[in-house]
Amino acid sequence: MSSSGVTERDFVVREFRDYGRVEIRSAVDPVSLQADPARKAGFKAALGAAVQRATTGVFTHDVEVNLVWLIEESRRYQTHLVADLDNVMKPILDAVTGADGIMIDDNQIQSIDASWMTPAGQTGFELKFTALMRDDYVSREGLSFVEFSADRCYLLPRMDRSAQVALVSRYRQALEGYRRMLDAGIAEGVARNVLPLVRPFPRARLGRFKVLPHADF
């Protein structure tokens, strides 16, 4: 089915919080990175709205992505009509990334397995996002970040103020220890062992997420 005139009802989104997995199915074709801007924007808006409505969590660390594009073989070989697999991934990832989505930043993707399959009376695509560790899928409600530098913003879950202060203090101590080790000439690969286990994010990639300076704690 064509992706023109797509609405959020064209996407079935299922969230498996306990397993750190989100699955998306649709009967519409994914759009290409080179698609008409209005068509691409409509697809991304509809998919993003469907994901926002059907999910409550967000991946906070590395993610595996699996895409299966259901397309008739005869159409697939008409390369002037059908985009390559790598060109359809970017609009999809853009649609599900951000403060209302299931990923914070698309550089969380550890691997992508993309393929096409000749359907039995089906069209569209099937998409699966899976956390490498299922505990790395958490509630996005009230989620914010604490900024220590432009390239180091750490997760700040929703919790009472005293707990947030304690967490930021642990982040700060770890970073101070890391810098002391570097100043002492210890190799970065060794020094990084004292850093927080949570993934740092660059400030520039956090968009509409709430970001607080560490000095506030």
N, C-alpha and C. Protein backbone atom coordinates (compact mmCIF):
# COMPACT_ATOMS: atom_id res chain seq x y z
N MET A 1 0.85 -1.19 0.00
CA MET A 1 0.00 0.00 0.00
C MET A 1 0.88 1.24 0.00
N SER A 2 0.49 2.25 -0.74
CA SER A 2 1.24 3.49 -0.81
C SER A 2 1.26 4.19 0.53
N SER A 3 2.35 4.94 0.80
CA SER A 3 2.47 5.67 2.06
C SER A 3 1.94 7.09 1.97
N SER A 4 1.24 7.43 0.87
CA SER A 4 0.61 8.75 0.79
C SER A 4 -0.69 8.72 1.59
N GLY A 5 -1.01 9.82 2.26
CA GLY A 5 -2.22 9.90 3.05
C GLY A 5 -2.22 8.99 4.26
N VAL A 6 -1.06 8.73 4.84
CA VAL A 6 -0.94 7.82 5.97
C VAL A 6 -1.40 8.51 7.25
N THR A 7 -2.07 7.76 8.13
CA THR A 7 -2.45 8.25 9.45
C THR A 7 -1.89 7.29 10.50
N GLU A 8 -1.98 7.70 11.76
CA GLU A 8 -1.44 6.84 12.82
C GLU A 8 -2.18 5.51 12.92
N ARG A 9 -3.41 5.45 12.41
CA ARG A 9 -4.16 4.19 12.43
C ARG A 9 -3.58 3.15 11.48
N ASP A 10 -2.67 3.58 10.61
CA ASP A 10 -2.03 2.64 9.70
C ASP A 10 -0.89 1.86 10.35
N PHE A 11 -0.63 2.14 11.62
CA PHE A 11 0.47 1.47 12.32
C PHE A 11 -0.06 0.77 13.57
N VAL A 12 0.34 -0.47 13.74
CA VAL A 12 0.03 -1.22 14.95
C VAL A 12 1.31 -1.32 15.76
N VAL A 13 1.29 -0.72 16.94
CA VAL A 13 2.49 -0.66 17.79
C VAL A 13 2.23 -1.45 19.06
N ARG A 14 3.15 -2.35 19.39
CA ARG A 14 3.02 -3.13 20.62
C ARG A 14 4.29 -2.97 21.46
N GLU A 15 4.07 -2.71 22.72
CA GLU A 15 5.18 -2.50 23.65
C GLU A 15 5.26 -3.68 24.63
N PHE A 16 6.46 -4.21 24.79
CA PHE A 16 6.70 -5.29 25.74
C PHE A 16 7.70 -4.78 26.78
N ARG A 17 7.19 -4.05 27.77
CA ARG A 17 8.05 -3.37 28.74
C ARG A 17 8.98 -4.35 29.46
N ASP A 18 8.45 -5.48 29.87
CA ASP A 18 9.24 -6.43 30.65
C ASP A 18 10.37 -7.06 29.84
N TYR A 19 10.27 -7.00 28.52
CA TYR A 19 11.28 -7.62 27.66
C TYR A 19 12.13 -6.59 26.92
N GLY A 20 11.87 -5.30 27.15
CA GLY A 20 12.65 -4.28 26.47
C GLY A 20 12.51 -4.34 24.97
N ARG A 21 11.25 -4.45 24.50
CA ARG A 21 11.03 -4.62 23.06
C ARG A 21 9.80 -3.85 22.62
N VAL A 22 9.88 -3.28 21.42
CA VAL A 22 8.74 -2.62 20.78
C VAL A 22 8.63 -3.15 19.36
N GLU A 23 7.41 -3.52 18.97
CA GLU A 23 7.17 -4.04 17.63
C GLU A 23 6.17 -3.15 16.90
N ILE A 24 6.43 -2.91 15.63
CA ILE A 24 5.57 -2.07 14.80
C ILE A 24 5.24 -2.83 13.52
N ARG A 25 3.95 -2.83 13.17
CA ARG A 25 3.52 -3.44 11.91
C ARG A 25 2.69 -2.43 11.14
N SER A 26 2.82 -2.48 9.83
CA SER A 26 2.03 -1.59 8.99
C SER A 26 1.82 -2.22 7.63
N ALA A 27 0.69 -1.90 7.03
CA ALA A 27 0.41 -2.37 5.67
C ALA A 27 0.88 -1.36 4.62
N VAL A 28 1.41 -0.22 5.06
CA VAL A 28 1.89 0.78 4.11
C VAL A 28 3.39 0.61 3.90
N ASP A 29 3.85 1.00 2.73
CA ASP A 29 5.28 0.94 2.44
C ASP A 29 6.03 2.00 3.24
N PRO A 30 7.23 1.69 3.70
CA PRO A 30 8.06 2.73 4.32
C PRO A 30 8.48 3.74 3.26
N VAL A 31 8.73 4.98 3.68
CA VAL A 31 9.14 6.01 2.72
C VAL A 31 10.66 6.06 2.63
N SER A 32 11.12 6.54 1.50
CA SER A 32 12.55 6.67 1.27
C SER A 32 13.06 8.01 1.79
N LEU A 33 14.35 8.04 2.07
CA LEU A 33 15.00 9.29 2.46
C LEU A 33 14.86 10.33 1.36
N GLN A 34 14.76 9.89 0.11
CA GLN A 34 14.65 10.82 -1.03
C GLN A 34 13.20 11.09 -1.44
N ALA A 35 12.25 10.65 -0.65
CA ALA A 35 10.83 10.83 -1.00
C ALA A 35 10.45 12.30 -0.98
N ASP A 36 9.31 12.60 -1.61
CA ASP A 36 8.77 13.95 -1.57
C ASP A 36 8.70 14.43 -0.12
N PRO A 37 9.18 15.65 0.18
CA PRO A 37 9.24 16.12 1.57
C PRO A 37 7.91 16.06 2.30
N ALA A 38 6.82 16.42 1.62
CA ALA A 38 5.51 16.40 2.28
C ALA A 38 5.08 14.98 2.61
N ARG A 39 5.32 14.07 1.68
CA ARG A 39 4.97 12.66 1.90
C ARG A 39 5.80 12.07 3.03
N LYS A 40 7.08 12.41 3.03
CA LYS A 40 7.96 11.91 4.08
C LYS A 40 7.57 12.47 5.45
N ALA A 41 7.24 13.76 5.49
CA ALA A 41 6.82 14.38 6.75
C ALA A 41 5.53 13.77 7.27
N GLY A 42 4.60 13.47 6.36
CA GLY A 42 3.33 12.86 6.77
C GLY A 42 3.53 11.47 7.34
N PHE A 43 4.41 10.70 6.71
CA PHE A 43 4.71 9.35 7.20
C PHE A 43 5.33 9.41 8.59
N LYS A 44 6.32 10.28 8.75
CA LYS A 44 7.02 10.39 10.03
C LYS A 44 6.09 10.87 11.14
N ALA A 45 5.23 11.83 10.82
CA ALA A 45 4.30 12.34 11.82
C ALA A 45 3.31 11.27 12.25
N ALA A 46 2.80 10.50 11.29
CA ALA A 46 1.82 9.46 11.61
C ALA A 46 2.46 8.34 12.43
N LEU A 47 3.64 7.90 12.02
CA LEU A 47 4.32 6.84 12.77
C LEU A 47 4.70 7.33 14.16
N GLY A 48 5.21 8.55 14.25
CA GLY A 48 5.57 9.10 15.55
C GLY A 48 4.39 9.19 16.48
N ALA A 49 3.24 9.61 15.96
CA ALA A 49 2.03 9.71 16.78
C ALA A 49 1.57 8.34 17.27
N ALA A 50 1.66 7.35 16.39
CA ALA A 50 1.26 5.99 16.78
C ALA A 50 2.16 5.44 17.87
N VAL A 51 3.45 5.69 17.75
CA VAL A 51 4.41 5.22 18.76
C VAL A 51 4.18 5.94 20.09
N GLN A 52 3.98 7.24 20.03
CA GLN A 52 3.74 8.00 21.26
C GLN A 52 2.49 7.50 21.99
N ARG A 53 1.44 7.22 21.23
CA ARG A 53 0.17 6.81 21.83
C ARG A 53 0.26 5.40 22.43
N ALA A 54 1.01 4.52 21.80
CA ALA A 54 0.99 3.10 22.19
C ALA A 54 2.10 2.70 23.16
N THR A 55 3.04 3.59 23.43
CA THR A 55 4.16 3.22 24.30
C THR A 55 4.29 4.19 25.47
N THR A 56 4.96 3.71 26.50
CA THR A 56 5.23 4.54 27.68
C THR A 56 6.71 4.59 28.01
N GLY A 57 7.51 3.80 27.31
CA GLY A 57 8.92 3.68 27.65
C GLY A 57 9.85 4.26 26.61
N VAL A 58 11.14 4.25 26.96
CA VAL A 58 12.18 4.73 26.05
C VAL A 58 13.43 3.89 26.29
N PHE A 59 14.15 3.60 25.21
CA PHE A 59 15.42 2.89 25.32
C PHE A 59 16.50 3.87 25.78
N THR A 60 17.29 3.46 26.76
CA THR A 60 18.31 4.36 27.30
C THR A 60 19.73 3.92 26.97
N HIS A 61 19.87 2.79 26.32
CA HIS A 61 21.21 2.31 25.96
C HIS A 61 21.13 1.70 24.56
N ASP A 62 21.98 0.74 24.27
CA ASP A 62 22.08 0.21 22.91
C ASP A 62 20.85 -0.60 22.52
N VAL A 63 20.53 -0.51 21.22
CA VAL A 63 19.31 -1.11 20.68
C VAL A 63 19.64 -1.89 19.41
N GLU A 64 18.99 -3.04 19.25
CA GLU A 64 19.03 -3.78 18.00
C GLU A 64 17.74 -3.51 17.23
N VAL A 65 17.86 -3.32 15.92
CA VAL A 65 16.70 -3.04 15.08
C VAL A 65 16.58 -4.11 14.00
N ASN A 66 15.37 -4.60 13.82
CA ASN A 66 15.11 -5.59 12.78
C ASN A 66 13.96 -5.09 11.91
N LEU A 67 14.21 -4.96 10.61
CA LEU A 67 13.20 -4.51 9.66
C LEU A 67 12.98 -5.57 8.59
N VAL A 68 11.73 -5.93 8.37
CA VAL A 68 11.36 -6.79 7.25
C VAL A 68 10.36 -6.03 6.40
N TRP A 69 10.73 -5.79 5.16
CA TRP A 69 9.87 -5.05 4.22
C TRP A 69 9.14 -6.09 3.38
N LEU A 70 7.83 -6.07 3.45
CA LEU A 70 7.00 -7.01 2.70
C LEU A 70 6.64 -6.39 1.36
N ILE A 71 7.21 -6.92 0.31
CA ILE A 71 7.03 -6.30 -1.00
C ILE A 71 7.08 -7.39 -2.08
N GLU A 72 6.23 -7.26 -3.06
CA GLU A 72 6.20 -8.24 -4.14
C GLU A 72 7.52 -8.22 -4.90
N GLU A 73 7.97 -9.40 -5.26
CA GLU A 73 9.27 -9.53 -5.90
C GLU A 73 9.36 -8.70 -7.18
N SER A 74 8.29 -8.70 -7.96
CA SER A 74 8.30 -7.96 -9.22
C SER A 74 8.47 -6.46 -8.98
N ARG A 75 7.86 -5.95 -7.90
CA ARG A 75 8.02 -4.53 -7.57
C ARG A 75 9.41 -4.25 -7.05
N ARG A 76 9.94 -5.17 -6.29
CA ARG A 76 11.25 -4.95 -5.68
C ARG A 76 12.32 -4.73 -6.73
N TYR A 77 12.20 -5.40 -7.86
CA TYR A 77 13.22 -5.29 -8.89
C TYR A 77 13.03 -4.07 -9.78
N GLN A 78 11.93 -3.34 -9.60
CA GLN A 78 11.75 -2.08 -10.32
C GLN A 78 12.41 -0.98 -9.50
N THR A 79 13.72 -0.92 -9.59
CA THR A 79 14.49 -0.06 -8.69
C THR A 79 14.17 1.42 -8.86
N HIS A 80 13.60 1.80 -9.99
CA HIS A 80 13.24 3.20 -10.15
C HIS A 80 11.97 3.54 -9.37
N LEU A 81 11.24 2.52 -8.90
CA LEU A 81 10.01 2.74 -8.14
C LEU A 81 10.19 2.50 -6.65
N VAL A 82 11.12 1.66 -6.30
CA VAL A 82 11.24 1.20 -4.93
C VAL A 82 12.61 1.57 -4.36
N ALA A 83 12.62 2.12 -3.17
CA ALA A 83 13.85 2.55 -2.53
C ALA A 83 14.66 1.36 -2.02
N ASP A 84 15.96 1.58 -1.84
CA ASP A 84 16.80 0.57 -1.22
C ASP A 84 16.49 0.49 0.27
N LEU A 85 16.83 -0.64 0.86
CA LEU A 85 16.55 -0.84 2.28
C LEU A 85 17.21 0.22 3.15
N ASP A 86 18.47 0.57 2.83
CA ASP A 86 19.16 1.53 3.69
C ASP A 86 18.53 2.91 3.63
N ASN A 87 17.85 3.23 2.52
CA ASN A 87 17.23 4.55 2.38
C ASN A 87 15.89 4.68 3.10
N VAL A 88 15.30 3.56 3.52
CA VAL A 88 14.01 3.65 4.22
C VAL A 88 14.20 3.65 5.74
N MET A 89 15.40 3.36 6.21
CA MET A 89 15.61 3.29 7.66
C MET A 89 15.60 4.66 8.31
N LYS A 90 16.22 5.65 7.69
CA LYS A 90 16.39 6.96 8.33
C LYS A 90 15.05 7.62 8.67
N PRO A 91 14.08 7.70 7.74
CA PRO A 91 12.79 8.30 8.12
C PRO A 91 12.10 7.56 9.26
N ILE A 92 12.22 6.23 9.28
CA ILE A 92 11.61 5.46 10.37
C ILE A 92 12.27 5.81 11.69
N LEU A 93 13.59 5.83 11.71
CA LEU A 93 14.31 6.12 12.96
C LEU A 93 14.04 7.54 13.44
N ASP A 94 13.97 8.48 12.51
CA ASP A 94 13.64 9.86 12.88
C ASP A 94 12.27 9.93 13.55
N ALA A 95 11.33 9.14 13.05
CA ALA A 95 9.96 9.19 13.54
C ALA A 95 9.83 8.68 14.97
N VAL A 96 10.69 7.76 15.37
CA VAL A 96 10.55 7.14 16.69
C VAL A 96 11.57 7.66 17.70
N THR A 97 12.34 8.68 17.32
CA THR A 97 13.38 9.22 18.19
C THR A 97 12.98 10.58 18.73
N GLY A 98 13.26 10.82 20.00
CA GLY A 98 12.98 12.11 20.60
C GLY A 98 12.16 11.98 21.88
N ALA A 99 11.77 13.13 22.42
CA ALA A 99 11.11 13.17 23.73
C ALA A 99 9.79 12.40 23.77
N ASP A 100 9.13 12.23 22.63
CA ASP A 100 7.87 11.49 22.58
C ASP A 100 8.03 10.09 21.99
N GLY A 101 9.26 9.71 21.70
CA GLY A 101 9.50 8.44 21.02
C GLY A 101 10.08 7.38 21.93
N ILE A 102 10.66 6.36 21.31
CA ILE A 102 11.20 5.23 22.07
C ILE A 102 12.72 5.21 22.08
N MET A 103 13.34 6.15 21.38
CA MET A 103 14.80 6.29 21.45
C MET A 103 15.15 7.74 21.75
N ILE A 104 16.25 7.92 22.45
CA ILE A 104 16.73 9.26 22.77
C ILE A 104 17.52 9.83 21.60
N ASP A 105 18.34 8.99 21.00
CA ASP A 105 19.24 9.41 19.93
C ASP A 105 19.47 8.20 19.02
N ASP A 106 19.44 8.40 17.72
CA ASP A 106 19.57 7.23 16.84
C ASP A 106 20.97 6.62 16.84
N ASN A 107 21.94 7.26 17.52
CA ASN A 107 23.24 6.59 17.63
C ASN A 107 23.24 5.50 18.70
N GLN A 108 22.08 5.28 19.33
CA GLN A 108 21.94 4.15 20.24
C GLN A 108 21.88 2.81 19.50
N ILE A 109 21.66 2.88 18.20
CA ILE A 109 21.48 1.64 17.43
C ILE A 109 22.80 0.89 17.32
N GLN A 110 22.81 -0.31 17.88
CA GLN A 110 24.01 -1.13 17.88
C GLN A 110 24.10 -1.97 16.61
N SER A 111 22.94 -2.38 16.09
CA SER A 111 22.92 -3.16 14.85
C SER A 111 21.57 -3.02 14.18
N ILE A 112 21.58 -3.15 12.86
CA ILE A 112 20.36 -3.13 12.06
C ILE A 112 20.36 -4.36 11.16
N ASP A 113 19.30 -5.13 11.24
CA ASP A 113 19.10 -6.28 10.35
C ASP A 113 17.91 -5.93 9.46
N ALA A 114 18.19 -5.60 8.21
CA ALA A 114 17.13 -5.18 7.29
C ALA A 114 17.05 -6.15 6.12
N SER A 115 15.84 -6.56 5.80
CA SER A 115 15.65 -7.50 4.69
C SER A 115 14.29 -7.27 4.06
N TRP A 116 14.11 -7.81 2.88
CA TRP A 116 12.78 -7.76 2.26
C TRP A 116 12.31 -9.18 2.01
N MET A 117 11.00 -9.33 2.02
CA MET A 117 10.41 -10.66 1.89
C MET A 117 9.21 -10.59 0.95
N THR A 118 9.09 -11.59 0.11
CA THR A 118 7.91 -11.67 -0.76
C THR A 118 6.73 -12.14 0.08
N PRO A 119 5.70 -11.32 0.20
CA PRO A 119 4.60 -11.64 1.12
C PRO A 119 3.60 -12.62 0.52
N ALA A 120 2.82 -13.21 1.40
CA ALA A 120 1.68 -14.02 0.98
C ALA A 120 0.43 -13.17 1.19
N GLY A 121 0.17 -12.30 0.23
CA GLY A 121 -1.00 -11.44 0.32
C GLY A 121 -0.84 -10.28 1.27
N GLN A 122 0.40 -9.96 1.67
CA GLN A 122 0.64 -8.85 2.58
C GLN A 122 1.56 -7.82 1.94
N THR A 123 1.45 -6.60 2.41
CA THR A 123 2.38 -5.55 2.02
C THR A 123 2.74 -4.78 3.28
N GLY A 124 3.68 -3.86 3.15
CA GLY A 124 4.05 -3.03 4.29
C GLY A 124 5.36 -3.46 4.91
N PHE A 125 5.44 -3.35 6.23
CA PHE A 125 6.69 -3.72 6.89
C PHE A 125 6.44 -4.15 8.33
N GLU A 126 7.41 -4.88 8.85
CA GLU A 126 7.43 -5.29 10.25
C GLU A 126 8.74 -4.81 10.85
N LEU A 127 8.66 -4.21 12.01
CA LEU A 127 9.81 -3.56 12.60
C LEU A 127 9.89 -3.92 14.08
N LYS A 128 11.10 -4.21 14.53
CA LYS A 128 11.27 -4.59 15.93
C LYS A 128 12.48 -3.85 16.51
N PHE A 129 12.28 -3.25 17.68
CA PHE A 129 13.36 -2.62 18.44
C PHE A 129 13.54 -3.43 19.73
N THR A 130 14.78 -3.82 20.02
CA THR A 130 15.04 -4.64 21.20
C THR A 130 16.25 -4.10 21.95
N ALA A 131 16.09 -3.86 23.25
CA ALA A 131 17.22 -3.44 24.08
C ALA A 131 18.20 -4.59 24.25
N LEU A 132 19.50 -4.30 24.20
CA LEU A 132 20.48 -5.35 24.44
C LEU A 132 20.35 -5.89 25.86
N MET A 133 19.97 -5.00 26.78
CA MET A 133 19.65 -5.41 28.14
C MET A 133 18.26 -4.87 28.46
N ARG A 134 17.34 -5.74 28.83
CA ARG A 134 15.95 -5.31 28.93
C ARG A 134 15.71 -4.25 29.99
N ASP A 135 16.64 -4.14 30.98
CA ASP A 135 16.50 -3.08 31.99
C ASP A 135 16.76 -1.70 31.40
N ASP A 136 17.28 -1.64 30.18
CA ASP A 136 17.56 -0.36 29.54
C ASP A 136 16.36 0.17 28.77
N TYR A 137 15.18 -0.30 29.13
CA TYR A 137 13.94 0.27 28.60
C TYR A 137 13.15 0.75 29.82
N VAL A 138 13.02 2.07 29.96
CA VAL A 138 12.44 2.64 31.17
C VAL A 138 11.30 3.59 30.81
N SER A 139 10.55 3.99 31.82
CA SER A 139 9.46 4.94 31.60
C SER A 139 10.00 6.28 31.14
N ARG A 140 9.39 6.87 30.12
CA ARG A 140 9.84 8.17 29.67
C ARG A 140 9.13 9.32 30.39
N GLU A 141 8.11 9.00 31.20
CA GLU A 141 7.41 10.05 31.93
C GLU A 141 8.35 10.67 32.96
N GLY A 142 8.49 11.97 32.91
CA GLY A 142 9.33 12.68 33.86
C GLY A 142 10.82 12.52 33.65
N LEU A 143 11.21 11.89 32.55
CA LEU A 143 12.63 11.65 32.29
C LEU A 143 13.34 12.96 31.93
N SER A 144 14.49 13.18 32.53
CA SER A 144 15.30 14.36 32.20
C SER A 144 16.77 13.96 32.22
N PHE A 145 17.63 14.94 31.99
CA PHE A 145 19.07 14.69 31.95
C PHE A 145 19.80 15.75 32.76
N VAL A 146 20.97 15.37 33.27
CA VAL A 146 21.83 16.31 33.97
C VAL A 146 23.09 16.49 33.12
N GLU A 147 23.45 17.74 32.87
CA GLU A 147 24.56 18.06 31.97
C GLU A 147 25.82 18.40 32.76
N PHE A 148 26.90 17.67 32.45
CA PHE A 148 28.21 17.96 33.02
C PHE A 148 29.11 18.65 32.02
N SER A 149 28.91 18.39 30.75
CA SER A 149 29.62 19.05 29.66
C SER A 149 28.81 18.84 28.40
N ALA A 150 29.22 19.50 27.32
CA ALA A 150 28.43 19.43 26.08
C ALA A 150 28.30 18.00 25.56
N ASP A 151 29.28 17.16 25.88
CA ASP A 151 29.23 15.78 25.38
C ASP A 151 28.89 14.76 26.46
N ARG A 152 28.55 15.23 27.67
CA ARG A 152 28.22 14.30 28.75
C ARG A 152 26.98 14.75 29.51
N CYS A 153 25.85 14.23 29.06
CA CYS A 153 24.59 14.41 29.77
C CYS A 153 24.11 13.03 30.20
N TYR A 154 23.79 12.90 31.48
CA TYR A 154 23.40 11.60 32.00
C TYR A 154 21.92 11.56 32.39
N LEU A 155 21.38 10.37 32.30
CA LEU A 155 19.98 10.13 32.59
C LEU A 155 19.64 10.54 34.02
N LEU A 156 18.49 11.21 34.17
CA LEU A 156 17.99 11.61 35.48
C LEU A 156 16.54 11.15 35.57
N PRO A 157 16.31 9.96 36.11
CA PRO A 157 14.94 9.44 36.17
C PRO A 157 14.05 10.28 37.08
N ARG A 158 12.76 10.09 36.92
CA ARG A 158 11.81 10.76 37.80
C ARG A 158 11.89 10.15 39.19
N MET A 159 12.26 10.95 40.18
CA MET A 159 12.37 10.50 41.57
C MET A 159 12.36 11.73 42.46
N ASP A 160 12.29 11.53 43.76
CA ASP A 160 12.25 12.71 44.63
C ASP A 160 13.59 13.43 44.58
N ARG A 161 13.56 14.68 45.01
CA ARG A 161 14.72 15.56 44.86
C ARG A 161 15.97 15.00 45.56
N SER A 162 15.81 14.48 46.76
CA SER A 162 16.97 13.97 47.49
C SER A 162 17.63 12.81 46.76
N ALA A 163 16.83 11.96 46.13
CA ALA A 163 17.38 10.84 45.37
C ALA A 163 18.11 11.35 44.12
N GLN A 164 17.57 12.38 43.48
CA GLN A 164 18.24 12.96 42.32
C GLN A 164 19.57 13.58 42.72
N VAL A 165 19.59 14.29 43.85
CA VAL A 165 20.84 14.90 44.33
C VAL A 165 21.89 13.82 44.58
N ALA A 166 21.47 12.72 45.20
CA ALA A 166 22.41 11.62 45.48
C ALA A 166 22.93 11.00 44.18
N LEU A 167 22.06 10.83 43.20
CA LEU A 167 22.47 10.25 41.92
C LEU A 167 23.46 11.16 41.20
N VAL A 168 23.15 12.46 41.16
CA VAL A 168 24.05 13.41 40.50
C VAL A 168 25.40 13.45 41.21
N SER A 169 25.38 13.34 42.53
CA SER A 169 26.63 13.31 43.29
C SER A 169 27.49 12.11 42.89
N ARG A 170 26.87 10.96 42.68
CA ARG A 170 27.62 9.78 42.24
C ARG A 170 28.17 9.97 40.83
N TYR A 171 27.37 10.55 39.95
CA TYR A 171 27.87 10.88 38.61
C TYR A 171 29.10 11.79 38.72
N ARG A 172 28.98 12.82 39.54
CA ARG A 172 30.05 13.81 39.67
C ARG A 172 31.33 13.17 40.20
N GLN A 173 31.21 12.34 41.21
CA GLN A 173 32.38 11.68 41.78
C GLN A 173 33.06 10.78 40.75
N ALA A 174 32.26 10.08 39.96
CA ALA A 174 32.83 9.20 38.94
C ALA A 174 33.59 10.01 37.89
N LEU A 175 33.02 11.13 37.46
CA LEU A 175 33.68 11.96 36.46
C LEU A 175 34.95 12.59 37.01
N GLU A 176 34.92 13.01 38.26
CA GLU A 176 36.12 13.58 38.87
C GLU A 176 37.23 12.53 38.96
N GLY A 177 36.86 11.30 39.31
CA GLY A 177 37.84 10.22 39.36
C GLY A 177 38.42 9.92 37.98
N TYR A 178 37.57 9.95 36.98
CA TYR A 178 38.00 9.73 35.59
C TYR A 178 39.02 10.78 35.17
N ARG A 179 38.72 12.05 35.47
CA ARG A 179 39.63 13.13 35.07
C ARG A 179 40.95 13.06 35.82
N ARG A 180 40.91 12.68 37.10
CA ARG A 180 42.15 12.55 37.87
C ARG A 180 43.03 11.45 37.28
N MET A 181 42.42 10.38 36.85
CA MET A 181 43.19 9.29 36.25
C MET A 181 43.82 9.73 34.93
N LEU A 182 43.07 10.48 34.12
CA LEU A 182 43.64 10.98 32.87
C LEU A 182 44.80 11.93 33.14
N ASP A 183 44.63 12.81 34.14
CA ASP A 183 45.69 13.76 34.50
C ASP A 183 46.94 13.04 34.99
N ALA A 184 46.75 11.86 35.55
CA ALA A 184 47.88 11.08 36.05
C ALA A 184 48.55 10.26 34.95
N GLY A 185 48.04 10.40 33.72
CA GLY A 185 48.64 9.70 32.60
C GLY A 185 48.12 8.31 32.35
N ILE A 186 47.04 7.95 33.02
CA ILE A 186 46.45 6.63 32.82
C ILE A 186 45.70 6.61 31.49
N ALA A 187 45.82 5.54 30.75
CA ALA A 187 45.19 5.43 29.44
C ALA A 187 43.67 5.60 29.55
N GLU A 188 43.09 6.27 28.56
CA GLU A 188 41.65 6.55 28.60
C GLU A 188 40.84 5.26 28.67
N GLY A 189 41.29 4.23 27.96
CA GLY A 189 40.56 2.97 27.96
C GLY A 189 40.50 2.32 29.33
N VAL A 190 41.49 2.61 30.16
CA VAL A 190 41.50 2.12 31.54
C VAL A 190 40.70 3.05 32.43
N ALA A 191 40.91 4.35 32.28
CA ALA A 191 40.25 5.34 33.13
C ALA A 191 38.73 5.28 32.99
N ARG A 192 38.24 4.96 31.82
CA ARG A 192 36.80 4.97 31.60
C ARG A 192 36.07 3.90 32.40
N ASN A 193 36.80 2.99 32.99
CA ASN A 193 36.17 1.96 33.81
C ASN A 193 35.50 2.54 35.06
N VAL A 194 35.87 3.75 35.45
CA VAL A 194 35.25 4.36 36.63
C VAL A 194 34.04 5.21 36.26
N LEU A 195 33.77 5.39 34.98
CA LEU A 195 32.64 6.21 34.55
C LEU A 195 31.31 5.51 34.87
N PRO A 196 30.22 6.28 34.96
CA PRO A 196 28.91 5.67 35.19
C PRO A 196 28.58 4.65 34.10
N LEU A 197 27.85 3.61 34.49
CA LEU A 197 27.47 2.59 33.52
C LEU A 197 26.43 3.10 32.54
N VAL A 198 25.64 4.10 32.95
CA VAL A 198 24.63 4.64 32.04
C VAL A 198 25.30 5.35 30.89
N ARG A 199 24.63 5.38 29.77
CA ARG A 199 25.18 5.96 28.55
C ARG A 199 25.14 7.48 28.61
N PRO A 200 26.25 8.17 28.27
CA PRO A 200 26.20 9.63 28.17
C PRO A 200 25.66 10.05 26.80
N PHE A 201 24.97 11.19 26.77
CA PHE A 201 24.44 11.72 25.52
C PHE A 201 24.96 13.13 25.30
N PRO A 202 25.28 13.50 24.05
CA PRO A 202 25.66 14.89 23.77
C PRO A 202 24.45 15.81 23.94
N ARG A 203 24.68 16.99 24.49
CA ARG A 203 23.58 17.94 24.70
C ARG A 203 22.87 18.26 23.40
N ALA A 204 23.61 18.35 22.31
CA ALA A 204 23.02 18.74 21.03
C ALA A 204 22.04 17.71 20.49
N ARG A 205 22.08 16.47 21.01
CA ARG A 205 21.21 15.42 20.49
C ARG A 205 19.97 15.21 21.36
N LEU A 206 19.78 16.02 22.39
CA LEU A 206 18.69 15.77 23.32
C LEU A 206 17.42 16.56 23.01
N GLY A 207 17.47 17.41 22.00
CA GLY A 207 16.25 18.06 21.51
C GLY A 207 15.37 18.63 22.59
N ARG A 208 14.11 18.13 22.67
CA ARG A 208 13.12 18.67 23.60
C ARG A 208 13.15 18.02 24.99
N PHE A 209 14.10 17.13 25.22
CA PHE A 209 14.24 16.59 26.57
C PHE A 209 14.66 17.69 27.54
N LYS A 210 14.20 17.59 28.75
CA LYS A 210 14.60 18.54 29.79
C LYS A 210 16.03 18.23 30.23
N VAL A 211 16.89 19.24 30.17
CA VAL A 211 18.30 19.08 30.55
C VAL A 211 18.64 20.11 31.62
N LEU A 212 19.17 19.64 32.74
CA LEU A 212 19.49 20.51 33.87
C LEU A 212 21.00 20.54 34.10
N PRO A 213 21.57 21.70 34.42
CA PRO A 213 23.01 21.76 34.73
C PRO A 213 23.31 21.06 36.05
N HIS A 214 24.45 20.40 36.12
CA HIS A 214 24.78 19.64 37.34
C HIS A 214 24.92 20.56 38.55
N ALA A 215 25.25 21.83 38.31
CA ALA A 215 25.39 22.78 39.42
C ALA A 215 24.08 23.01 40.16
N ASP A 216 22.95 22.67 39.53
CA ASP A 216 21.65 22.81 40.19
C ASP A 216 21.46 21.78 41.30
N PHE A 217 22.36 20.81 41.37
CA PHE A 217 22.23 19.75 42.38
C PHE A 217 23.39 19.82 43.37
